[in-house]
Structures are given as C-alpha cells and as structure tokens.
Amino acid sequence: NNYFNHLVLISEKFEIPFRWKFYVVENVGHENKKMS
C-alpha cells in the first residue's frame, strides 16, 4: 500500500502519466497459487 501511494504521489508531483493499478485480493495470504 505504501509503495503504490508513493508512486501516485511521484506521478502527481511531476505530472507523469500513471498507468499502474492496485488490487487487494480478499481472503488470500502469501499464496502464489491463488494470486496467480
């Protein structure tokens, strides 16, 4: 969360087009099978 918010702030500060997206995958931990 902190990294994505950091990138948003950088893009806004320097007026750079920002194409990143961020999603929280519910009820999933550090599990590659579900994340993949």
ModelCIF file with pLDDT and N, C-alpha, C, O atoms, coordinates in Angstrom:
data_MODEL
#
_entry.id   MODEL 
#
_entity.id                         1 
_entity.type                       polymer 
_entity.pdbx_number_of_molecules   1 
#
_entity_poly.entity_id                      1 
_entity_poly.type                           'polypeptide(L)' 
_entity_poly.nstd_linkage                   no 
_entity_poly.nstd_monomer                   no 
_entity_poly.pdbx_seq_one_letter_code       NNYFNHLVLISEKFEIPFRWKFYVVENVGHENKKMS 
_entity_poly.pdbx_seq_one_letter_code_can   NNYFNHLVLISEKFEIPFRWKFYVVENVGHENKKMS 
_entity_poly.pdbx_strand_id                 A 
#
loop_
_entity_poly_seq.entity_id 
_entity_poly_seq.num 
_entity_poly_seq.mon_id 
_entity_poly_seq.hetero 
1 1  ASN n 
1 2  ASN n 
1 3  TYR n 
1 4  PHE n 
1 5  ASN n 
1 6  HIS n 
1 7  LEU n 
1 8  VAL n 
1 9  LEU n 
1 10 ILE n 
1 11 SER n 
1 12 GLU n 
1 13 LYS n 
1 14 PHE n 
1 15 GLU n 
1 16 ILE n 
1 17 PRO n 
1 18 PHE n 
1 19 ARG n 
1 20 TRP n 
1 21 LYS n 
1 22 PHE n 
1 23 TYR n 
1 24 VAL n 
1 25 VAL n 
1 26 GLU n 
1 27 ASN n 
1 28 VAL n 
1 29 GLY n 
1 30 HIS n 
1 31 GLU n 
1 32 ASN n 
1 33 LYS n 
1 34 LYS n 
1 35 MET n 
1 36 SER n 
#
_struct_asym.id          A 
_struct_asym.entity_id   1 
#
loop_
_ma_qa_metric.id 
_ma_qa_metric.mode 
_ma_qa_metric.name 
_ma_qa_metric.software_group_id 
_ma_qa_metric.type 
1 global pLDDT . pLDDT 
2 local  pLDDT . pLDDT 
#
_ma_qa_metric_global.metric_id      1 
_ma_qa_metric_global.metric_value   97.00 
_ma_qa_metric_global.model_id       1 
_ma_qa_metric_global.ordinal_id     1 
#
loop_
_ma_qa_metric_local.label_asym_id 
_ma_qa_metric_local.label_comp_id 
_ma_qa_metric_local.label_seq_id 
_ma_qa_metric_local.metric_id 
_ma_qa_metric_local.metric_value 
_ma_qa_metric_local.model_id 
_ma_qa_metric_local.ordinal_id 
A ASN 1  2 98.00 1 1  
A ASN 2  2 98.00 1 2  
A TYR 3  2 98.00 1 3  
A PHE 4  2 98.00 1 4  
A ASN 5  2 98.00 1 5  
A HIS 6  2 98.00 1 6  
A LEU 7  2 98.00 1 7  
A VAL 8  2 98.00 1 8  
A LEU 9  2 98.00 1 9  
A ILE 10 2 97.00 1 10 
A SER 11 2 98.00 1 11 
A GLU 12 2 98.00 1 12 
A LYS 13 2 97.00 1 13 
A PHE 14 2 96.00 1 14 
A GLU 15 2 97.00 1 15 
A ILE 16 2 97.00 1 16 
A PRO 17 2 97.00 1 17 
A PHE 18 2 98.00 1 18 
A ARG 19 2 97.00 1 19 
A TRP 20 2 98.00 1 20 
A LYS 21 2 98.00 1 21 
A PHE 22 2 98.00 1 22 
A TYR 23 2 98.00 1 23 
A VAL 24 2 98.00 1 24 
A VAL 25 2 98.00 1 25 
A GLU 26 2 97.00 1 26 
A ASN 27 2 97.00 1 27 
A VAL 28 2 97.00 1 28 
A GLY 29 2 96.00 1 29 
A HIS 30 2 95.00 1 30 
A GLU 31 2 95.00 1 31 
A ASN 32 2 94.00 1 32 
A LYS 33 2 93.00 1 33 
A LYS 34 2 96.00 1 34 
A MET 35 2 96.00 1 35 
A SER 36 2 94.00 1 36 
#
loop_
_atom_site.group_PDB 
_atom_site.id 
_atom_site.type_symbol 
_atom_site.label_atom_id 
_atom_site.label_alt_id 
_atom_site.label_comp_id 
_atom_site.label_asym_id 
_atom_site.label_entity_id 
_atom_site.label_seq_id 
_atom_site.pdbx_PDB_ins_code 
_atom_site.Cartn_x 
_atom_site.Cartn_y 
_atom_site.Cartn_z 
_atom_site.occupancy 
_atom_site.B_iso_or_equiv 
_atom_site.pdbx_formal_charge 
_atom_site.auth_seq_id 
_atom_site.auth_comp_id 
_atom_site.auth_asym_id 
_atom_site.auth_atom_id 
_atom_site.pdbx_PDB_model_num 
ATOM 1   N N  . ASN A 1 1  ? 0.824  -1.211  0.000   1.00 98.00 ? 1  ASN A N  1 
ATOM 2   C CA . ASN A 1 1  ? 0.000  0.000   0.000   1.00 98.00 ? 1  ASN A CA 1 
ATOM 3   C C  . ASN A 1 1  ? 0.859  1.262   0.000   1.00 98.00 ? 1  ASN A C  1 
ATOM 4   O O  . ASN A 1 1  ? 0.575  2.216   -0.724  1.00 98.00 ? 1  ASN A O  1 
ATOM 5   N N  . ASN A 1 2  ? 1.901  1.259   0.811   1.00 98.00 ? 2  ASN A N  1 
ATOM 6   C CA . ASN A 1 2  ? 2.776  2.429   0.892   1.00 98.00 ? 2  ASN A CA 1 
ATOM 7   C C  . ASN A 1 2  ? 3.512  2.675   -0.422  1.00 98.00 ? 2  ASN A C  1 
ATOM 8   O O  . ASN A 1 2  ? 3.708  3.821   -0.827  1.00 98.00 ? 2  ASN A O  1 
ATOM 9   N N  . TYR A 1 3  ? 3.917  1.592   -1.084  1.00 98.00 ? 3  TYR A N  1 
ATOM 10  C CA . TYR A 1 3  ? 4.646  1.755   -2.340  1.00 98.00 ? 3  TYR A CA 1 
ATOM 11  C C  . TYR A 1 3  ? 3.743  2.327   -3.432  1.00 98.00 ? 3  TYR A C  1 
ATOM 12  O O  . TYR A 1 3  ? 4.132  3.246   -4.153  1.00 98.00 ? 3  TYR A O  1 
ATOM 13  N N  . PHE A 1 4  ? 2.543  1.779   -3.544  1.00 98.00 ? 4  PHE A N  1 
ATOM 14  C CA . PHE A 1 4  ? 1.633  2.286   -4.578  1.00 98.00 ? 4  PHE A CA 1 
ATOM 15  C C  . PHE A 1 4  ? 1.296  3.753   -4.330  1.00 98.00 ? 4  PHE A C  1 
ATOM 16  O O  . PHE A 1 4  ? 1.302  4.556   -5.263  1.00 98.00 ? 4  PHE A O  1 
ATOM 17  N N  . ASN A 1 5  ? 1.005  4.108   -3.089  1.00 98.00 ? 5  ASN A N  1 
ATOM 18  C CA . ASN A 1 5  ? 0.702  5.505   -2.765  1.00 98.00 ? 5  ASN A CA 1 
ATOM 19  C C  . ASN A 1 5  ? 1.897  6.412   -3.050  1.00 98.00 ? 5  ASN A C  1 
ATOM 20  O O  . ASN A 1 5  ? 1.733  7.555   -3.477  1.00 98.00 ? 5  ASN A O  1 
ATOM 21  N N  . HIS A 1 6  ? 3.091  5.895   -2.813  1.00 98.00 ? 6  HIS A N  1 
ATOM 22  C CA . HIS A 1 6  ? 4.310  6.638   -3.107  1.00 98.00 ? 6  HIS A CA 1 
ATOM 23  C C  . HIS A 1 6  ? 4.414  6.933   -4.608  1.00 98.00 ? 6  HIS A C  1 
ATOM 24  O O  . HIS A 1 6  ? 4.737  8.052   -5.005  1.00 98.00 ? 6  HIS A O  1 
ATOM 25  N N  . LEU A 1 7  ? 4.139  5.924   -5.433  1.00 98.00 ? 7  LEU A N  1 
ATOM 26  C CA . LEU A 1 7  ? 4.208  6.115   -6.883  1.00 98.00 ? 7  LEU A CA 1 
ATOM 27  C C  . LEU A 1 7  ? 3.149  7.104   -7.366  1.00 98.00 ? 7  LEU A C  1 
ATOM 28  O O  . LEU A 1 7  ? 3.400  7.901   -8.269  1.00 98.00 ? 7  LEU A O  1 
ATOM 29  N N  . VAL A 1 8  ? 1.978  7.046   -6.763  1.00 98.00 ? 8  VAL A N  1 
ATOM 30  C CA . VAL A 1 8  ? 0.923  8.010   -7.115  1.00 98.00 ? 8  VAL A CA 1 
ATOM 31  C C  . VAL A 1 8  ? 1.389  9.430   -6.835  1.00 98.00 ? 8  VAL A C  1 
ATOM 32  O O  . VAL A 1 8  ? 1.207  10.320  -7.666  1.00 98.00 ? 8  VAL A O  1 
ATOM 33  N N  . LEU A 1 9  ? 1.984  9.645   -5.680  1.00 98.00 ? 9  LEU A N  1 
ATOM 34  C CA . LEU A 1 9  ? 2.462  10.977  -5.304  1.00 98.00 ? 9  LEU A CA 1 
ATOM 35  C C  . LEU A 1 9  ? 3.561  11.462  -6.241  1.00 98.00 ? 9  LEU A C  1 
ATOM 36  O O  . LEU A 1 9  ? 3.578  12.633  -6.622  1.00 98.00 ? 9  LEU A O  1 
ATOM 37  N N  . ILE A 1 10 ? 4.472  10.579  -6.612  1.00 97.00 ? 10 ILE A N  1 
ATOM 38  C CA . ILE A 1 10 ? 5.545  10.954  -7.535  1.00 97.00 ? 10 ILE A CA 1 
ATOM 39  C C  . ILE A 1 10 ? 4.975  11.346  -8.893  1.00 97.00 ? 10 ILE A C  1 
ATOM 40  O O  . ILE A 1 10 ? 5.384  12.348  -9.481  1.00 97.00 ? 10 ILE A O  1 
ATOM 41  N N  . SER A 1 11 ? 4.036  10.559  -9.383  1.00 98.00 ? 11 SER A N  1 
ATOM 42  C CA . SER A 1 11 ? 3.445  10.850  -10.689 1.00 98.00 ? 11 SER A CA 1 
ATOM 43  C C  . SER A 1 11 ? 2.683  12.173  -10.678 1.00 98.00 ? 11 SER A C  1 
ATOM 44  O O  . SER A 1 11 ? 2.726  12.924  -11.653 1.00 98.00 ? 11 SER A O  1 
ATOM 45  N N  . GLU A 1 12 ? 1.990  12.459  -9.583  1.00 98.00 ? 12 GLU A N  1 
ATOM 46  C CA . GLU A 1 12 ? 1.244  13.712  -9.474  1.00 98.00 ? 12 GLU A CA 1 
ATOM 47  C C  . GLU A 1 12 ? 2.191  14.906  -9.349  1.00 98.00 ? 12 GLU A C  1 
ATOM 48  O O  . GLU A 1 12 ? 1.960  15.954  -9.951  1.00 98.00 ? 12 GLU A O  1 
ATOM 49  N N  . LYS A 1 13 ? 3.244  14.742  -8.575  1.00 97.00 ? 13 LYS A N  1 
ATOM 50  C CA . LYS A 1 13 ? 4.194  15.832  -8.352  1.00 97.00 ? 13 LYS A CA 1 
ATOM 51  C C  . LYS A 1 13 ? 4.872  16.252  -9.644  1.00 97.00 ? 13 LYS A C  1 
ATOM 52  O O  . LYS A 1 13 ? 5.046  17.444  -9.899  1.00 97.00 ? 13 LYS A O  1 
ATOM 53  N N  . PHE A 1 14 ? 5.254  15.281  -10.457 1.00 96.00 ? 14 PHE A N  1 
ATOM 54  C CA . PHE A 1 14 ? 5.996  15.583  -11.681 1.00 96.00 ? 14 PHE A CA 1 
ATOM 55  C C  . PHE A 1 14 ? 5.112  15.490  -12.934 1.00 96.00 ? 14 PHE A C  1 
ATOM 56  O O  . PHE A 1 14 ? 5.606  15.545  -14.060 1.00 96.00 ? 14 PHE A O  1 
ATOM 57  N N  . GLU A 1 15 ? 3.797  15.348  -12.717 1.00 97.00 ? 15 GLU A N  1 
ATOM 58  C CA . GLU A 1 15 ? 2.817  15.326  -13.805 1.00 97.00 ? 15 GLU A CA 1 
ATOM 59  C C  . GLU A 1 15 ? 3.168  14.262  -14.854 1.00 97.00 ? 15 GLU A C  1 
ATOM 60  O O  . GLU A 1 15 ? 3.210  14.530  -16.055 1.00 97.00 ? 15 GLU A O  1 
ATOM 61  N N  . ILE A 1 16 ? 3.417  13.051  -14.353 1.00 97.00 ? 16 ILE A N  1 
ATOM 62  C CA . ILE A 1 16 ? 3.750  11.926  -15.223 1.00 97.00 ? 16 ILE A CA 1 
ATOM 63  C C  . ILE A 1 16 ? 2.523  11.027  -15.362 1.00 97.00 ? 16 ILE A C  1 
ATOM 64  O O  . ILE A 1 16 ? 1.915  10.670  -14.353 1.00 97.00 ? 16 ILE A O  1 
ATOM 65  N N  . PRO A 1 17 ? 2.145  10.653  -16.584 1.00 97.00 ? 17 PRO A N  1 
ATOM 66  C CA . PRO A 1 17 ? 1.008  9.741   -16.753 1.00 97.00 ? 17 PRO A CA 1 
ATOM 67  C C  . PRO A 1 17 ? 1.238  8.452   -15.964 1.00 97.00 ? 17 PRO A C  1 
ATOM 68  O O  . PRO A 1 17 ? 2.301  7.838   -16.057 1.00 97.00 ? 17 PRO A O  1 
ATOM 69  N N  . PHE A 1 18 ? 0.240  8.052   -15.195 1.00 98.00 ? 18 PHE A N  1 
ATOM 70  C CA . PHE A 1 18 ? 0.382  6.904   -14.301 1.00 98.00 ? 18 PHE A CA 1 
ATOM 71  C C  . PHE A 1 18 ? -0.602 5.829   -14.715 1.00 98.00 ? 18 PHE A C  1 
ATOM 72  O O  . PHE A 1 18 ? -1.812 6.053   -14.688 1.00 98.00 ? 18 PHE A O  1 
ATOM 73  N N  . ARG A 1 19 ? -0.091 4.642   -15.106 1.00 97.00 ? 19 ARG A N  1 
ATOM 74  C CA . ARG A 1 19 ? -0.938 3.571   -15.623 1.00 97.00 ? 19 ARG A CA 1 
ATOM 75  C C  . ARG A 1 19 ? -1.022 2.370   -14.677 1.00 97.00 ? 19 ARG A C  1 
ATOM 76  O O  . ARG A 1 19 ? -1.656 1.366   -15.000 1.00 97.00 ? 19 ARG A O  1 
ATOM 77  N N  . TRP A 1 20 ? -0.393 2.472   -13.531 1.00 98.00 ? 20 TRP A N  1 
ATOM 78  C CA . TRP A 1 20 ? -0.431 1.353   -12.592 1.00 98.00 ? 20 TRP A CA 1 
ATOM 79  C C  . TRP A 1 20 ? -1.821 1.205   -11.961 1.00 98.00 ? 20 TRP A C  1 
ATOM 80  O O  . TRP A 1 20 ? -2.561 2.177   -11.815 1.00 98.00 ? 20 TRP A O  1 
ATOM 81  N N  . LYS A 1 21 ? -2.149 -0.024  -11.597 1.00 98.00 ? 21 LYS A N  1 
ATOM 82  C CA . LYS A 1 21 ? -3.371 -0.313  -10.864 1.00 98.00 ? 21 LYS A CA 1 
ATOM 83  C C  . LYS A 1 21 ? -3.017 -1.129  -9.623  1.00 98.00 ? 21 LYS A C  1 
ATOM 84  O O  . LYS A 1 21 ? -1.974 -1.780  -9.563  1.00 98.00 ? 21 LYS A O  1 
ATOM 85  N N  . PHE A 1 22 ? -3.903 -1.080  -8.645  1.00 98.00 ? 22 PHE A N  1 
ATOM 86  C CA . PHE A 1 22 ? -3.634 -1.754  -7.375  1.00 98.00 ? 22 PHE A CA 1 
ATOM 87  C C  . PHE A 1 22 ? -4.897 -2.451  -6.893  1.00 98.00 ? 22 PHE A C  1 
ATOM 88  O O  . PHE A 1 22 ? -5.967 -1.846  -6.828  1.00 98.00 ? 22 PHE A O  1 
ATOM 89  N N  . TYR A 1 23 ? -4.762 -3.739  -6.553  1.00 98.00 ? 23 TYR A N  1 
ATOM 90  C CA . TYR A 1 23 ? -5.905 -4.504  -6.059  1.00 98.00 ? 23 TYR A CA 1 
ATOM 91  C C  . TYR A 1 23 ? -5.500 -5.332  -4.838  1.00 98.00 ? 23 TYR A C  1 
ATOM 92  O O  . TYR A 1 23 ? -4.410 -5.901  -4.782  1.00 98.00 ? 23 TYR A O  1 
ATOM 93  N N  . VAL A 1 24 ? -6.394 -5.380  -3.882  1.00 98.00 ? 24 VAL A N  1 
ATOM 94  C CA . VAL A 1 24 ? -6.249 -6.275  -2.738  1.00 98.00 ? 24 VAL A CA 1 
ATOM 95  C C  . VAL A 1 24 ? -7.059 -7.535  -3.042  1.00 98.00 ? 24 VAL A C  1 
ATOM 96  O O  . VAL A 1 24 ? -8.250 -7.458  -3.344  1.00 98.00 ? 24 VAL A O  1 
ATOM 97  N N  . VAL A 1 25 ? -6.404 -8.692  -2.959  1.00 98.00 ? 25 VAL A N  1 
ATOM 98  C CA . VAL A 1 25 ? -7.086 -9.966  -3.219  1.00 98.00 ? 25 VAL A CA 1 
ATOM 99  C C  . VAL A 1 25 ? -7.608 -10.493 -1.888  1.00 98.00 ? 25 VAL A C  1 
ATOM 100 O O  . VAL A 1 25 ? -6.830 -10.878 -1.015  1.00 98.00 ? 25 VAL A O  1 
ATOM 101 N N  . GLU A 1 26 ? -8.910 -10.508 -1.742  1.00 97.00 ? 26 GLU A N  1 
ATOM 102 C CA . GLU A 1 26 ? -9.537 -10.836 -0.463  1.00 97.00 ? 26 GLU A CA 1 
ATOM 103 C C  . GLU A 1 26 ? -9.311 -12.291 -0.050  1.00 97.00 ? 26 GLU A C  1 
ATOM 104 O O  . GLU A 1 26 ? -9.281 -13.203 -0.876  1.00 97.00 ? 26 GLU A O  1 
ATOM 105 N N  . ASN A 1 27 ? -9.153 -12.465 1.261   1.00 97.00 ? 27 ASN A N  1 
ATOM 106 C CA . ASN A 1 27 ? -9.046 -13.793 1.878   1.00 97.00 ? 27 ASN A CA 1 
ATOM 107 C C  . ASN A 1 27 ? -7.872 -14.620 1.349   1.00 97.00 ? 27 ASN A C  1 
ATOM 108 O O  . ASN A 1 27 ? -7.925 -15.850 1.347   1.00 97.00 ? 27 ASN A O  1 
ATOM 109 N N  . VAL A 1 28 ? -6.825 -13.946 0.906   1.00 97.00 ? 28 VAL A N  1 
ATOM 110 C CA . VAL A 1 28 ? -5.641 -14.643 0.395   1.00 97.00 ? 28 VAL A CA 1 
ATOM 111 C C  . VAL A 1 28 ? -4.414 -14.116 1.125   1.00 97.00 ? 28 VAL A C  1 
ATOM 112 O O  . VAL A 1 28 ? -4.272 -12.913 1.346   1.00 97.00 ? 28 VAL A O  1 
ATOM 113 N N  . GLY A 1 29 ? -3.535 -15.034 1.494   1.00 96.00 ? 29 GLY A N  1 
ATOM 114 C CA . GLY A 1 29 ? -2.289 -14.644 2.142   1.00 96.00 ? 29 GLY A CA 1 
ATOM 115 C C  . GLY A 1 29 ? -1.139 -14.683 1.159   1.00 96.00 ? 29 GLY A C  1 
ATOM 116 O O  . GLY A 1 29 ? -1.277 -14.249 0.016   1.00 96.00 ? 29 GLY A O  1 
ATOM 117 N N  . HIS A 1 30 ? 0.006  -15.204 1.604   1.00 95.00 ? 30 HIS A N  1 
ATOM 118 C CA . HIS A 1 30 ? 1.185  -15.285 0.745   1.00 95.00 ? 30 HIS A CA 1 
ATOM 119 C C  . HIS A 1 30 ? 1.131  -16.592 -0.040  1.00 95.00 ? 30 HIS A C  1 
ATOM 120 O O  . HIS A 1 30 ? 1.929  -17.503 0.185   1.00 95.00 ? 30 HIS A O  1 
ATOM 121 N N  . GLU A 1 31 ? 0.172  -16.666 -0.966  1.00 95.00 ? 31 GLU A N  1 
ATOM 122 C CA . GLU A 1 31 ? -0.135 -17.910 -1.671  1.00 95.00 ? 31 GLU A CA 1 
ATOM 123 C C  . GLU A 1 31 ? -0.086 -17.685 -3.180  1.00 95.00 ? 31 GLU A C  1 
ATOM 124 O O  . GLU A 1 31 ? -0.987 -17.084 -3.764  1.00 95.00 ? 31 GLU A O  1 
ATOM 125 N N  . ASN A 1 32 ? 0.972  -18.175 -3.791  1.00 94.00 ? 32 ASN A N  1 
ATOM 126 C CA . ASN A 1 32 ? 1.158  -17.941 -5.223  1.00 94.00 ? 32 ASN A CA 1 
ATOM 127 C C  . ASN A 1 32 ? 0.060  -18.579 -6.064  1.00 94.00 ? 32 ASN A C  1 
ATOM 128 O O  . ASN A 1 32 ? -0.357 -17.992 -7.063  1.00 94.00 ? 32 ASN A O  1 
ATOM 129 N N  . LYS A 1 33 ? -0.422 -19.768 -5.689  1.00 93.00 ? 33 LYS A N  1 
ATOM 130 C CA . LYS A 1 33 ? -1.436 -20.445 -6.485  1.00 93.00 ? 33 LYS A CA 1 
ATOM 131 C C  . LYS A 1 33 ? -2.685 -19.589 -6.634  1.00 93.00 ? 33 LYS A C  1 
ATOM 132 O O  . LYS A 1 33 ? -3.241 -19.478 -7.727  1.00 93.00 ? 33 LYS A O  1 
ATOM 133 N N  . LYS A 1 34 ? -3.122 -18.987 -5.544  1.00 96.00 ? 34 LYS A N  1 
ATOM 134 C CA . LYS A 1 34 ? -4.327 -18.158 -5.588  1.00 96.00 ? 34 LYS A CA 1 
ATOM 135 C C  . LYS A 1 34 ? -4.042 -16.808 -6.255  1.00 96.00 ? 34 LYS A C  1 
ATOM 136 O O  . LYS A 1 34 ? -4.874 -16.291 -7.000  1.00 96.00 ? 34 LYS A O  1 
ATOM 137 N N  . MET A 1 35 ? -2.877 -16.250 -5.985  1.00 96.00 ? 35 MET A N  1 
ATOM 138 C CA . MET A 1 35 ? -2.538 -14.952 -6.589  1.00 96.00 ? 35 MET A CA 1 
ATOM 139 C C  . MET A 1 35 ? -2.339 -15.081 -8.090  1.00 96.00 ? 35 MET A C  1 
ATOM 140 O O  . MET A 1 35 ? -2.709 -14.185 -8.848  1.00 96.00 ? 35 MET A O  1 
ATOM 141 N N  . SER A 1 36 ? -1.756 -16.194 -8.521  1.00 94.00 ? 36 SER A N  1 
ATOM 142 C CA . SER A 1 36 ? -1.515 -16.372 -9.951  1.00 94.00 ? 36 SER A CA 1 
ATOM 143 C C  . SER A 1 36 ? -2.820 -16.526 -10.727 1.00 94.00 ? 36 SER A C  1 
ATOM 144 O O  . SER A 1 36 ? -2.797 -16.685 -11.948 1.00 94.00 ? 36 SER A O  1 
#
